[in-house]
């Protein structure tokens, strides 16, 4: 699992919501970072899709945060970012100088699948019925997100018969 120090069997609903919010924050931040990288490499279409994903992650984070606030007001968090890593976020090395929109969408799809697998793996460890229901909801939401990415991919024209990375200059010593 991509968490540290979290005992899923003892997770409260507040902690589960906090964990879900932190997962969304991490993914949103990483998509923003990759967007900036792709913009710097003049790969606007892939950057546009990562910006779209960052927006979706933020929207989901806000929904979860509103739910948490409604239930627990401003109670302090006991779950921190240090307790998770890359649950849903793309890897830092996913961005490529000549990344196509399809490659960006494939990255996002892998991330949604990774998040789904996280919730599936956590479910057998959860004893609390409210937490179980939340994780089942989040698991199902990841399937919905996968479907959204697949629909966007279906709109794309076929990839060219070559890899744009083949045209990248090899690094040279100065």
C-alpha atoms as a PDB file:
ATOM      1  CA  UNK A   1       0.000   0.000   0.000  1.00  0.00           C
ATOM      2  CA  UNK A   2       1.098   3.573  -0.528  1.00  0.00           C
ATOM      3  CA  UNK A   3       0.402   4.677   3.022  1.00  0.00           C
ATOM      4  CA  UNK A   4       2.476   4.634   6.158  1.00  0.00           C
ATOM      5  CA  UNK A   5       1.260   4.537   9.727  1.00  0.00           C
ATOM      6  CA  UNK A   6      -2.439   4.170   8.888  1.00  0.00           C
ATOM      7  CA  UNK A   7      -4.288   1.319  10.540  1.00  0.00           C
ATOM      8  CA  UNK A   8      -7.302   0.867   8.289  1.00  0.00           C
ATOM      9  CA  UNK A   9      -9.046  -1.302  10.873  1.00  0.00           C
ATOM     10  CA  UNK A  10      -9.068   1.654  13.303  1.00  0.00           C
ATOM     11  CA  UNK A  11      -9.789   4.398  10.776  1.00  0.00           C
ATOM     12  CA  UNK A  12     -12.614   6.741  11.806  1.00  0.00           C
ATOM     13  CA  UNK A  13     -14.908   8.360   9.255  1.00  0.00           C
ATOM     14  CA  UNK A  14     -13.205  11.708   9.903  1.00  0.00           C
ATOM     15  CA  UNK A  15      -9.786  10.164   9.291  1.00  0.00           C
ATOM     16  CA  UNK A  16     -11.043   8.406   6.166  1.00  0.00           C
ATOM     17  CA  UNK A  17     -12.394  11.672   4.770  1.00  0.00           C
ATOM     18  CA  UNK A  18      -9.116  13.417   5.631  1.00  0.00           C
ATOM     19  CA  UNK A  19      -7.186  10.668   3.863  1.00  0.00           C
ATOM     20  CA  UNK A  20      -9.399  10.964   0.781  1.00  0.00           C
ATOM     21  CA  UNK A  21      -8.958  14.757   0.758  1.00  0.00           C
ATOM     22  CA  UNK A  22      -5.177  14.414   1.011  1.00  0.00           C
ATOM     23  CA  UNK A  23      -5.147  11.890  -1.842  1.00  0.00           C
ATOM     24  CA  UNK A  24      -7.034  14.358  -4.046  1.00  0.00           C
ATOM     25  CA  UNK A  25      -4.714  17.220  -3.017  1.00  0.00           C
ATOM     26  CA  UNK A  26      -1.625  15.205  -3.855  1.00  0.00           C
ATOM     27  CA  UNK A  27      -2.982  14.202  -7.268  1.00  0.00           C
ATOM     28  CA  UNK A  28      -4.066  17.756  -8.064  1.00  0.00           C
ATOM     29  CA  UNK A  29      -0.673  19.187  -7.135  1.00  0.00           C
ATOM     30  CA  UNK A  30       1.156  16.591  -9.223  1.00  0.00           C
ATOM     31  CA  UNK A  31      -1.060  17.220 -12.256  1.00  0.00           C
ATOM     32  CA  UNK A  32      -0.334  20.945 -11.905  1.00  0.00           C
ATOM     33  CA  UNK A  33       3.400  20.275 -11.731  1.00  0.00           C
ATOM     34  CA  UNK A  34       3.242  18.097 -14.848  1.00  0.00           C
ATOM     35  CA  UNK A  35       1.146  20.755 -16.591  1.00  0.00           C
ATOM     36  CA  UNK A  36       3.898  23.315 -15.973  1.00  0.00           C
ATOM     37  CA  UNK A  37       6.555  20.883 -17.219  1.00  0.00           C
ATOM     38  CA  UNK A  38       4.648  20.203 -20.428  1.00  0.00           C
ATOM     39  CA  UNK A  39       4.007  23.892 -21.002  1.00  0.00           C
ATOM     40  CA  UNK A  40       7.753  24.502 -20.632  1.00  0.00           C
ATOM     41  CA  UNK A  41       8.364  21.784 -23.250  1.00  0.00           C
ATOM     42  CA  UNK A  42       5.808  23.379 -25.581  1.00  0.00           C
ATOM     43  CA  UNK A  43       3.458  20.397 -25.410  1.00  0.00           C
ATOM     44  CA  UNK A  44       0.186  22.298 -25.034  1.00  0.00           C
ATOM     45  CA  UNK A  45      -2.348  19.549 -25.753  1.00  0.00           C
ATOM     46  CA  UNK A  46      -0.937  17.150 -23.172  1.00  0.00           C
ATOM     47  CA  UNK A  47      -0.611  20.063 -20.721  1.00  0.00           C
ATOM     48  CA  UNK A  48      -4.252  20.946 -21.365  1.00  0.00           C
ATOM     49  CA  UNK A  49      -5.358  17.446 -20.417  1.00  0.00           C
ATOM     50  CA  UNK A  50      -3.279  17.448 -17.220  1.00  0.00           C
ATOM     51  CA  UNK A  51      -4.821  20.834 -16.360  1.00  0.00           C
ATOM     52  CA  UNK A  52      -8.248  19.241 -16.878  1.00  0.00           C
ATOM     53  CA  UNK A  53      -7.275  16.398 -14.522  1.00  0.00           C
ATOM     54  CA  UNK A  54      -6.004  18.859 -11.902  1.00  0.00           C
ATOM     55  CA  UNK A  55      -9.362  20.632 -12.081  1.00  0.00           C
ATOM     56  CA  UNK A  56     -11.231  17.335 -11.635  1.00  0.00           C
ATOM     57  CA  UNK A  57      -9.100  16.375  -8.642  1.00  0.00           C
ATOM     58  CA  UNK A  58      -9.724  19.800  -7.084  1.00  0.00           C
ATOM     59  CA  UNK A  59     -13.463  19.525  -7.638  1.00  0.00           C
ATOM     60  CA  UNK A  60     -13.537  16.124  -5.949  1.00  0.00           C
ATOM     61  CA  UNK A  61     -11.365  17.435  -3.087  1.00  0.00           C
ATOM     62  CA  UNK A  62     -13.788  20.318  -2.514  1.00  0.00           C
ATOM     63  CA  UNK A  63     -16.759  17.923  -2.413  1.00  0.00           C
ATOM     64  CA  UNK A  64     -15.014  15.734   0.142  1.00  0.00           C
ATOM     65  CA  UNK A  65     -13.901  18.743   2.180  1.00  0.00           C
ATOM     66  CA  UNK A  66     -17.454  20.133   2.299  1.00  0.00           C
ATOM     67  CA  UNK A  67     -18.695  16.761   3.480  1.00  0.00           C
ATOM     68  CA  UNK A  68     -15.995  16.586   6.139  1.00  0.00           C
ATOM     69  CA  UNK A  69     -16.741  20.121   7.342  1.00  0.00           C
ATOM     70  CA  UNK A  70     -20.460  19.367   7.556  1.00  0.00           C
ATOM     71  CA  UNK A  71     -19.810  16.293   9.694  1.00  0.00           C
ATOM     72  CA  UNK A  72     -16.787  17.343  11.746  1.00  0.00           C
ATOM     73  CA  UNK A  73     -16.546  21.154  11.474  1.00  0.00           C
ATOM     74  CA  UNK A  74     -12.950  22.222  12.026  1.00  0.00           C
ATOM     75  CA  UNK A  75     -11.795  19.226  14.079  1.00  0.00           C
ATOM     76  CA  UNK A  76      -8.021  18.805  13.638  1.00  0.00           C
ATOM     77  CA  UNK A  77      -6.653  16.207  11.245  1.00  0.00           C
ATOM     78  CA  UNK A  78      -4.781  13.208  12.550  1.00  0.00           C
ATOM     79  CA  UNK A  79      -3.967  11.920   9.063  1.00  0.00           C
ATOM     80  CA  UNK A  80      -1.167  13.837   7.329  1.00  0.00           C
ATOM     81  CA  UNK A  81       0.409  13.972   3.874  1.00  0.00           C
ATOM     82  CA  UNK A  82       3.464  12.249   5.329  1.00  0.00           C
ATOM     83  CA  UNK A  83       1.298   9.141   5.710  1.00  0.00           C
ATOM     84  CA  UNK A  84       0.650   8.711   1.989  1.00  0.00           C
ATOM     85  CA  UNK A  85       2.559   8.759  -1.248  1.00  0.00           C
ATOM     86  CA  UNK A  86       1.379   8.471  -4.833  1.00  0.00           C
ATOM     87  CA  UNK A  87      -1.978   6.873  -4.067  1.00  0.00           C
ATOM     88  CA  UNK A  88      -3.515   8.539  -7.124  1.00  0.00           C
ATOM     89  CA  UNK A  89      -0.881  11.030  -8.258  1.00  0.00           C
ATOM     90  CA  UNK A  90       1.070  10.444 -11.457  1.00  0.00           C
ATOM     91  CA  UNK A  91       4.756   9.682 -11.111  1.00  0.00           C
ATOM     92  CA  UNK A  92       7.052  12.671 -11.440  1.00  0.00           C
ATOM     93  CA  UNK A  93       8.739  11.164 -14.489  1.00  0.00           C
ATOM     94  CA  UNK A  94       5.491  10.745 -16.452  1.00  0.00           C
ATOM     95  CA  UNK A  95       5.838  14.030 -18.374  1.00  0.00           C
ATOM     96  CA  UNK A  96       7.789  13.815 -21.618  1.00  0.00           C
ATOM     97  CA  UNK A  97       9.078  16.625 -23.810  1.00  0.00           C
ATOM     98  CA  UNK A  98       7.035  15.368 -26.769  1.00  0.00           C
ATOM     99  CA  UNK A  99       4.116  13.866 -24.869  1.00  0.00           C
ATOM    100  CA  UNK A 100       0.979  13.363 -26.918  1.00  0.00           C
ATOM    101  CA  UNK A 101      -2.525  13.895 -25.569  1.00  0.00           C
ATOM    102  CA  UNK A 102      -3.031  10.116 -25.745  1.00  0.00           C
ATOM    103  CA  UNK A 103       0.063   9.530 -23.615  1.00  0.00           C
ATOM    104  CA  UNK A 104      -1.211  12.090 -21.097  1.00  0.00           C
ATOM    105  CA  UNK A 105      -4.563  10.310 -20.988  1.00  0.00           C
ATOM    106  CA  UNK A 106      -2.871   6.921 -20.596  1.00  0.00           C
ATOM    107  CA  UNK A 107      -0.991   8.373 -17.623  1.00  0.00           C
ATOM    108  CA  UNK A 108      -4.236   9.635 -16.089  1.00  0.00           C
ATOM    109  CA  UNK A 109      -5.916   6.276 -16.684  1.00  0.00           C
ATOM    110  CA  UNK A 110      -3.076   4.462 -14.892  1.00  0.00           C
ATOM    111  CA  UNK A 111      -3.500   6.880 -11.965  1.00  0.00           C
ATOM    112  CA  UNK A 112      -7.232   6.250 -11.730  1.00  0.00           C
ATOM    113  CA  UNK A 113      -6.578   2.497 -11.857  1.00  0.00           C
ATOM    114  CA  UNK A 114      -3.920   2.893  -9.151  1.00  0.00           C
ATOM    115  CA  UNK A 115      -6.393   4.761  -6.903  1.00  0.00           C
ATOM    116  CA  UNK A 116      -9.052   2.117  -7.522  1.00  0.00           C
ATOM    117  CA  UNK A 117      -6.590  -0.608  -6.531  1.00  0.00           C
ATOM    118  CA  UNK A 118      -5.752   1.332  -3.362  1.00  0.00           C
ATOM    119  CA  UNK A 119      -9.387   1.400  -2.217  1.00  0.00           C
ATOM    120  CA  UNK A 120      -9.945  -2.240  -3.208  1.00  0.00           C
ATOM    121  CA  UNK A 121      -6.881  -3.292  -1.179  1.00  0.00           C
ATOM    122  CA  UNK A 122      -7.933  -1.218   1.841  1.00  0.00           C
ATOM    123  CA  UNK A 123     -11.529  -2.481   2.011  1.00  0.00           C
ATOM    124  CA  UNK A 124     -10.830  -5.909   3.565  1.00  0.00           C
ATOM    125  CA  UNK A 125      -8.962  -4.183   6.411  1.00  0.00           C
ATOM    126  CA  UNK A 126     -11.819  -1.825   7.330  1.00  0.00           C
ATOM    127  CA  UNK A 127     -14.074  -2.668  10.276  1.00  0.00           C
ATOM    128  CA  UNK A 128     -16.069   0.580  10.537  1.00  0.00           C
ATOM    129  CA  UNK A 129     -19.274   0.448   8.441  1.00  0.00           C
ATOM    130  CA  UNK A 130     -19.227   4.202   7.673  1.00  0.00           C
ATOM    131  CA  UNK A 131     -15.607   4.050   6.552  1.00  0.00           C
ATOM    132  CA  UNK A 132     -16.327   0.944   4.487  1.00  0.00           C
ATOM    133  CA  UNK A 133     -19.230   2.716   2.754  1.00  0.00           C
ATOM    134  CA  UNK A 134     -17.026   5.753   2.039  1.00  0.00           C
ATOM    135  CA  UNK A 135     -14.208   3.617   0.615  1.00  0.00           C
ATOM    136  CA  UNK A 136     -16.694   1.675  -1.527  1.00  0.00           C
ATOM    137  CA  UNK A 137     -18.020   4.992  -2.814  1.00  0.00           C
ATOM    138  CA  UNK A 138     -14.484   6.217  -3.538  1.00  0.00           C
ATOM    139  CA  UNK A 139     -13.600   2.914  -5.236  1.00  0.00           C
ATOM    140  CA  UNK A 140     -16.644   3.256  -7.485  1.00  0.00           C
ATOM    141  CA  UNK A 141     -15.831   6.909  -8.160  1.00  0.00           C
ATOM    142  CA  UNK A 142     -12.427   5.830  -9.489  1.00  0.00           C
ATOM    143  CA  UNK A 143     -14.176   3.534 -11.985  1.00  0.00           C
ATOM    144  CA  UNK A 144     -16.275   6.515 -13.078  1.00  0.00           C
ATOM    145  CA  UNK A 145     -13.087   8.569 -13.510  1.00  0.00           C
ATOM    146  CA  UNK A 146     -11.544   5.765 -15.586  1.00  0.00           C
ATOM    147  CA  UNK A 147     -14.605   5.820 -17.829  1.00  0.00           C
ATOM    148  CA  UNK A 148     -14.288   9.604 -18.266  1.00  0.00           C
ATOM    149  CA  UNK A 149     -10.649   9.278 -19.322  1.00  0.00           C
ATOM    150  CA  UNK A 150     -11.495   6.432 -21.716  1.00  0.00           C
ATOM    151  CA  UNK A 151     -14.244   8.554 -23.309  1.00  0.00           C
ATOM    152  CA  UNK A 152     -11.750  11.386 -23.834  1.00  0.00           C
ATOM    153  CA  UNK A 153      -9.266   8.929 -25.343  1.00  0.00           C
ATOM    154  CA  UNK A 154     -11.915   7.650 -27.740  1.00  0.00           C
ATOM    155  CA  UNK A 155     -12.285  11.177 -29.152  1.00  0.00           C
ATOM    156  CA  UNK A 156      -8.629  11.313 -30.191  1.00  0.00           C
ATOM    157  CA  UNK A 157      -7.389  10.553 -33.675  1.00  0.00           C
ATOM    158  CA  UNK A 158      -5.092   7.538 -33.995  1.00  0.00           C
ATOM    159  CA  UNK A 159      -1.501   8.037 -32.896  1.00  0.00           C
ATOM    160  CA  UNK A 160       1.000   8.656 -35.690  1.00  0.00           C
ATOM    161  CA  UNK A 161       3.075   5.675 -36.768  1.00  0.00           C
ATOM    162  CA  UNK A 162       6.152   7.043 -35.026  1.00  0.00           C
ATOM    163  CA  UNK A 163       7.181   7.935 -31.511  1.00  0.00           C
ATOM    164  CA  UNK A 164       7.682  11.720 -31.151  1.00  0.00           C
ATOM    165  CA  UNK A 165      10.420  10.934 -28.646  1.00  0.00           C
ATOM    166  CA  UNK A 166      12.471   9.533 -31.525  1.00  0.00           C
ATOM    167  CA  UNK A 167      13.002  13.101 -32.690  1.00  0.00           C
ATOM    168  CA  UNK A 168      14.302  14.393 -29.380  1.00  0.00           C
ATOM    169  CA  UNK A 169      17.913  15.444 -29.321  1.00  0.00           C
ATOM    170  CA  UNK A 170      20.166  13.233 -27.257  1.00  0.00           C
ATOM    171  CA  UNK A 171      21.797  14.960 -24.297  1.00  0.00           C
ATOM    172  CA  UNK A 172      25.315  16.076 -25.015  1.00  0.00           C
ATOM    173  CA  UNK A 173      28.124  17.193 -22.789  1.00  0.00           C
ATOM    174  CA  UNK A 174      28.879  20.900 -22.725  1.00  0.00           C
END
